[in-house]
Amino acid sequence: MDLNTIEKQLTDKSIGDIRKCAQEIVNVLKAFSEDKTGKIRNGIHWPVNRDYNSRTDSYTYQYSHLDYHRLEKIIIESIQNDLLDDIVKKKTTDLLSKLELLD
């Protein structure tokens, strides 16, 4: 097995871990919504814009519906962009440490 294959496997495993994390986050939101409202919903309303009203010294918000499937994709993309390289590096370091123990 060459290094490129090992790196690909570690990357694929890391992406799988990220997807599982995103699914768990969305499932918690779904369960919370259903438990607290007694209704099954397909998403949440997400703030997309905020305007300040100086006369009342308050903010008004504009919302858009964000279905859970899209929310899961956003979470996956965000985690991958921010953490994937570091996750793969950690998995590589852990693997190398285990290989050193075999020597």
N, C-alpha and C. Protein backbone atom coordinates (compact mmCIF):
# COMPACT_ATOMS: atom_id res chain seq x y z
N MET A 1 0.85 -1.18 0.00
CA MET A 1 0.00 0.00 0.00
C MET A 1 0.90 1.24 0.00
N ASP A 2 0.68 2.14 -0.94
CA ASP A 2 1.52 3.32 -1.03
C ASP A 2 0.96 4.47 -0.20
N LEU A 3 1.76 5.51 -0.04
CA LEU A 3 1.38 6.64 0.82
C LEU A 3 0.15 7.39 0.31
N ASN A 4 0.01 7.50 -1.00
CA ASN A 4 -1.17 8.19 -1.56
C ASN A 4 -2.45 7.46 -1.21
N THR A 5 -2.40 6.14 -1.24
CA THR A 5 -3.58 5.34 -0.90
C THR A 5 -3.93 5.51 0.58
N ILE A 6 -2.90 5.50 1.42
CA ILE A 6 -3.13 5.68 2.86
C ILE A 6 -3.71 7.07 3.14
N GLU A 7 -3.13 8.09 2.51
CA GLU A 7 -3.64 9.45 2.71
C GLU A 7 -5.09 9.57 2.23
N LYS A 8 -5.41 8.95 1.10
CA LYS A 8 -6.78 8.97 0.57
C LYS A 8 -7.74 8.31 1.56
N GLN A 9 -7.32 7.17 2.13
CA GLN A 9 -8.16 6.47 3.09
C GLN A 9 -8.37 7.30 4.36
N LEU A 10 -7.31 7.95 4.83
CA LEU A 10 -7.44 8.80 6.01
C LEU A 10 -8.35 10.00 5.74
N THR A 11 -8.24 10.57 4.55
CA THR A 11 -9.09 11.69 4.17
C THR A 11 -10.54 11.25 4.07
N ASP A 12 -10.77 10.10 3.42
CA ASP A 12 -12.14 9.58 3.30
C ASP A 12 -12.75 9.29 4.67
N LYS A 13 -11.96 8.72 5.57
CA LYS A 13 -12.44 8.43 6.92
C LYS A 13 -12.77 9.74 7.65
N SER A 14 -11.94 10.76 7.46
CA SER A 14 -12.18 12.05 8.11
C SER A 14 -13.46 12.69 7.59
N ILE A 15 -13.67 12.62 6.28
CA ILE A 15 -14.90 13.17 5.69
C ILE A 15 -16.11 12.41 6.23
N GLY A 16 -15.97 11.10 6.38
CA GLY A 16 -17.06 10.32 6.97
C GLY A 16 -17.36 10.75 8.39
N ASP A 17 -16.32 11.01 9.17
CA ASP A 17 -16.51 11.49 10.55
C ASP A 17 -17.22 12.84 10.56
N ILE A 18 -16.85 13.71 9.64
CA ILE A 18 -17.48 15.03 9.56
C ILE A 18 -18.96 14.89 9.19
N ARG A 19 -19.26 14.03 8.23
CA ARG A 19 -20.66 13.81 7.83
C ARG A 19 -21.48 13.27 9.00
N LYS A 20 -20.90 12.35 9.74
CA LYS A 20 -21.60 11.78 10.90
C LYS A 20 -21.87 12.86 11.94
N CYS A 21 -20.89 13.72 12.18
CA CYS A 21 -21.07 14.82 13.13
C CYS A 21 -22.20 15.74 12.69
N ALA A 22 -22.21 16.10 11.41
CA ALA A 22 -23.26 16.99 10.88
C ALA A 22 -24.63 16.34 11.01
N GLN A 23 -24.72 15.05 10.72
CA GLN A 23 -26.01 14.34 10.86
C GLN A 23 -26.48 14.37 12.30
N GLU A 24 -25.56 14.16 13.24
CA GLU A 24 -25.92 14.17 14.65
C GLU A 24 -26.42 15.55 15.09
N ILE A 25 -25.75 16.60 14.63
CA ILE A 25 -26.17 17.96 14.97
C ILE A 25 -27.59 18.22 14.46
N VAL A 26 -27.85 17.89 13.21
CA VAL A 26 -29.16 18.12 12.61
C VAL A 26 -30.21 17.24 13.30
N ASN A 27 -29.86 16.01 13.63
CA ASN A 27 -30.81 15.14 14.32
C ASN A 27 -31.19 15.68 15.69
N VAL A 28 -30.24 16.29 16.38
CA VAL A 28 -30.54 16.91 17.67
C VAL A 28 -31.54 18.05 17.49
N LEU A 29 -31.32 18.88 16.46
CA LEU A 29 -32.26 19.99 16.19
C LEU A 29 -33.65 19.46 15.83
N LYS A 30 -33.70 18.42 14.99
CA LYS A 30 -34.99 17.84 14.61
C LYS A 30 -35.72 17.29 15.83
N ALA A 31 -35.00 16.53 16.65
CA ALA A 31 -35.62 15.93 17.84
C ALA A 31 -36.08 17.00 18.82
N PHE A 32 -35.28 18.04 19.00
CA PHE A 32 -35.66 19.14 19.89
C PHE A 32 -36.95 19.79 19.41
N SER A 33 -37.00 20.09 18.13
CA SER A 33 -38.18 20.72 17.56
C SER A 33 -39.42 19.85 17.74
N GLU A 34 -39.27 18.59 17.43
CA GLU A 34 -40.42 17.68 17.54
C GLU A 34 -40.84 17.48 18.99
N ASP A 35 -39.86 17.33 19.90
CA ASP A 35 -40.18 17.13 21.32
C ASP A 35 -40.87 18.34 21.93
N LYS A 36 -40.41 19.53 21.56
CA LYS A 36 -40.93 20.74 22.19
C LYS A 36 -42.20 21.28 21.55
N THR A 37 -42.43 20.95 20.27
CA THR A 37 -43.63 21.47 19.61
C THR A 37 -44.65 20.39 19.31
N GLY A 38 -44.22 19.13 19.32
CA GLY A 38 -45.11 18.04 18.96
C GLY A 38 -45.38 17.96 17.47
N LYS A 39 -44.64 18.73 16.69
CA LYS A 39 -44.83 18.75 15.24
C LYS A 39 -43.54 18.33 14.54
N ILE A 40 -43.70 17.65 13.43
CA ILE A 40 -42.54 17.29 12.62
C ILE A 40 -42.36 18.38 11.58
N ARG A 41 -41.19 18.95 11.56
CA ARG A 41 -40.88 20.05 10.63
C ARG A 41 -39.76 19.61 9.71
N ASN A 42 -39.67 20.26 8.57
CA ASN A 42 -38.62 19.89 7.61
C ASN A 42 -37.46 20.87 7.61
N GLY A 43 -37.44 21.81 8.55
CA GLY A 43 -36.35 22.78 8.63
C GLY A 43 -36.62 23.83 9.69
N ILE A 44 -35.80 24.86 9.66
CA ILE A 44 -35.94 25.96 10.61
C ILE A 44 -35.86 27.28 9.86
N HIS A 45 -36.34 28.33 10.51
CA HIS A 45 -36.21 29.66 9.92
C HIS A 45 -34.88 30.24 10.37
N TRP A 46 -34.11 30.68 9.41
CA TRP A 46 -32.74 31.12 9.64
C TRP A 46 -32.64 32.61 9.35
N PRO A 47 -32.05 33.40 10.27
CA PRO A 47 -31.92 34.84 10.00
C PRO A 47 -30.95 35.09 8.85
N VAL A 48 -31.39 35.91 7.91
CA VAL A 48 -30.55 36.21 6.74
C VAL A 48 -30.18 37.69 6.64
N ASN A 49 -30.91 38.52 7.37
CA ASN A 49 -30.61 39.95 7.32
C ASN A 49 -31.14 40.60 8.58
N ARG A 50 -30.50 41.70 8.97
CA ARG A 50 -30.93 42.42 10.16
C ARG A 50 -30.87 43.91 9.85
N ASP A 51 -31.92 44.62 10.23
CA ASP A 51 -31.98 46.06 10.01
C ASP A 51 -32.16 46.76 11.36
N TYR A 52 -31.44 47.87 11.51
CA TYR A 52 -31.54 48.65 12.74
C TYR A 52 -32.54 49.77 12.55
N ASN A 53 -33.45 49.92 13.51
CA ASN A 53 -34.43 50.99 13.50
C ASN A 53 -34.03 51.97 14.60
N SER A 54 -33.53 53.14 14.21
CA SER A 54 -33.04 54.10 15.19
C SER A 54 -34.17 54.72 16.02
N ARG A 55 -35.37 54.78 15.46
CA ARG A 55 -36.49 55.37 16.21
C ARG A 55 -36.86 54.52 17.41
N THR A 56 -36.83 53.22 17.24
CA THR A 56 -37.20 52.32 18.35
C THR A 56 -35.98 51.72 19.03
N ASP A 57 -34.79 52.02 18.50
CA ASP A 57 -33.54 51.49 19.03
C ASP A 57 -33.60 49.95 19.12
N SER A 58 -34.04 49.35 18.01
CA SER A 58 -34.15 47.88 17.99
C SER A 58 -33.84 47.37 16.58
N TYR A 59 -33.69 46.08 16.51
CA TYR A 59 -33.41 45.41 15.24
C TYR A 59 -34.63 44.64 14.77
N THR A 60 -34.81 44.61 13.47
CA THR A 60 -35.79 43.70 12.88
C THR A 60 -35.02 42.71 12.02
N TYR A 61 -35.51 41.50 11.98
CA TYR A 61 -34.81 40.44 11.28
C TYR A 61 -35.64 39.92 10.12
N GLN A 62 -34.95 39.56 9.08
CA GLN A 62 -35.59 38.87 7.96
C GLN A 62 -35.12 37.42 8.02
N TYR A 63 -36.06 36.51 7.83
CA TYR A 63 -35.75 35.09 7.94
C TYR A 63 -36.01 34.38 6.63
N SER A 64 -35.31 33.29 6.45
CA SER A 64 -35.52 32.42 5.31
C SER A 64 -35.62 31.00 5.84
N HIS A 65 -36.42 30.17 5.18
CA HIS A 65 -36.54 28.79 5.61
C HIS A 65 -35.32 28.02 5.16
N LEU A 66 -34.74 27.28 6.07
CA LEU A 66 -33.57 26.45 5.78
C LEU A 66 -33.93 25.01 6.12
N ASP A 67 -34.10 24.18 5.09
CA ASP A 67 -34.47 22.80 5.37
C ASP A 67 -33.27 22.06 5.97
N TYR A 68 -33.57 21.00 6.70
CA TYR A 68 -32.54 20.28 7.44
C TYR A 68 -31.48 19.67 6.53
N HIS A 69 -31.87 19.25 5.33
CA HIS A 69 -30.90 18.67 4.40
C HIS A 69 -29.87 19.73 4.00
N ARG A 70 -30.32 20.93 3.69
CA ARG A 70 -29.40 22.01 3.32
C ARG A 70 -28.54 22.43 4.51
N LEU A 71 -29.14 22.45 5.70
CA LEU A 71 -28.39 22.79 6.91
C LEU A 71 -27.26 21.78 7.13
N GLU A 72 -27.54 20.51 6.92
CA GLU A 72 -26.52 19.48 7.06
C GLU A 72 -25.37 19.72 6.07
N LYS A 73 -25.72 20.07 4.83
CA LYS A 73 -24.69 20.36 3.83
C LYS A 73 -23.83 21.56 4.24
N ILE A 74 -24.46 22.59 4.77
CA ILE A 74 -23.73 23.79 5.22
C ILE A 74 -22.77 23.42 6.34
N ILE A 75 -23.22 22.62 7.28
CA ILE A 75 -22.38 22.21 8.40
C ILE A 75 -21.19 21.38 7.89
N ILE A 76 -21.46 20.44 7.00
CA ILE A 76 -20.39 19.61 6.43
C ILE A 76 -19.35 20.49 5.73
N GLU A 77 -19.82 21.38 4.87
CA GLU A 77 -18.90 22.26 4.13
C GLU A 77 -18.08 23.13 5.07
N SER A 78 -18.72 23.67 6.09
CA SER A 78 -18.03 24.54 7.03
C SER A 78 -16.95 23.79 7.80
N ILE A 79 -17.29 22.61 8.30
CA ILE A 79 -16.32 21.82 9.06
C ILE A 79 -15.18 21.37 8.15
N GLN A 80 -15.52 20.90 6.94
CA GLN A 80 -14.48 20.47 6.02
C GLN A 80 -13.51 21.60 5.69
N ASN A 81 -14.05 22.77 5.38
CA ASN A 81 -13.20 23.91 5.04
C ASN A 81 -12.30 24.32 6.20
N ASP A 82 -12.81 24.20 7.40
CA ASP A 82 -12.08 24.68 8.57
C ASP A 82 -11.17 23.62 9.19
N LEU A 83 -11.61 22.34 9.22
CA LEU A 83 -10.91 21.35 10.03
C LEU A 83 -10.34 20.14 9.30
N LEU A 84 -10.72 19.91 8.05
CA LEU A 84 -10.35 18.65 7.39
C LEU A 84 -8.84 18.42 7.39
N ASP A 85 -8.06 19.39 7.01
CA ASP A 85 -6.61 19.21 6.97
C ASP A 85 -6.04 18.84 8.34
N ASP A 86 -6.52 19.50 9.38
CA ASP A 86 -6.03 19.22 10.73
C ASP A 86 -6.47 17.83 11.21
N ILE A 87 -7.68 17.42 10.84
CA ILE A 87 -8.15 16.09 11.21
C ILE A 87 -7.29 15.02 10.55
N VAL A 88 -7.01 15.20 9.26
CA VAL A 88 -6.18 14.24 8.53
C VAL A 88 -4.77 14.21 9.12
N LYS A 89 -4.21 15.37 9.46
CA LYS A 89 -2.88 15.41 10.08
C LYS A 89 -2.85 14.64 11.39
N LYS A 90 -3.90 14.81 12.20
CA LYS A 90 -3.96 14.11 13.48
C LYS A 90 -4.07 12.61 13.26
N LYS A 91 -4.91 12.19 12.32
CA LYS A 91 -5.03 10.76 12.02
C LYS A 91 -3.71 10.20 11.52
N THR A 92 -2.99 10.97 10.72
CA THR A 92 -1.69 10.54 10.21
C THR A 92 -0.69 10.39 11.34
N THR A 93 -0.66 11.38 12.23
CA THR A 93 0.24 11.32 13.38
C THR A 93 -0.07 10.12 14.26
N ASP A 94 -1.36 9.88 14.52
CA ASP A 94 -1.76 8.73 15.33
C ASP A 94 -1.34 7.42 14.68
N LEU A 95 -1.52 7.33 13.36
CA LEU A 95 -1.15 6.12 12.63
C LEU A 95 0.36 5.90 12.69
N LEU A 96 1.13 6.96 12.49
CA LEU A 96 2.59 6.84 12.55
C LEU A 96 3.06 6.42 13.95
N SER A 97 2.40 6.94 14.98
CA SER A 97 2.74 6.56 16.35
C SER A 97 2.48 5.08 16.57
N LYS A 98 1.39 4.58 16.05
CA LYS A 98 1.08 3.15 16.19
C LYS A 98 2.08 2.29 15.42
N LEU A 99 2.50 2.76 14.26
CA LEU A 99 3.48 2.02 13.48
C LEU A 99 4.83 1.97 14.18
N GLU A 100 5.20 3.06 14.84
CA GLU A 100 6.45 3.09 15.59
C GLU A 100 6.43 2.10 16.74
N LEU A 101 5.26 1.88 17.33
CA LEU A 101 5.15 0.91 18.43
C LEU A 101 5.39 -0.52 17.94
N LEU A 102 5.13 -0.75 16.65
CA LEU A 102 5.32 -2.09 16.10
C LEU A 102 6.79 -2.42 15.84
N ASP A 103 7.63 -1.39 15.74
CA ASP A 103 9.06 -1.63 15.47
C ASP A 103 9.76 -2.25 16.64
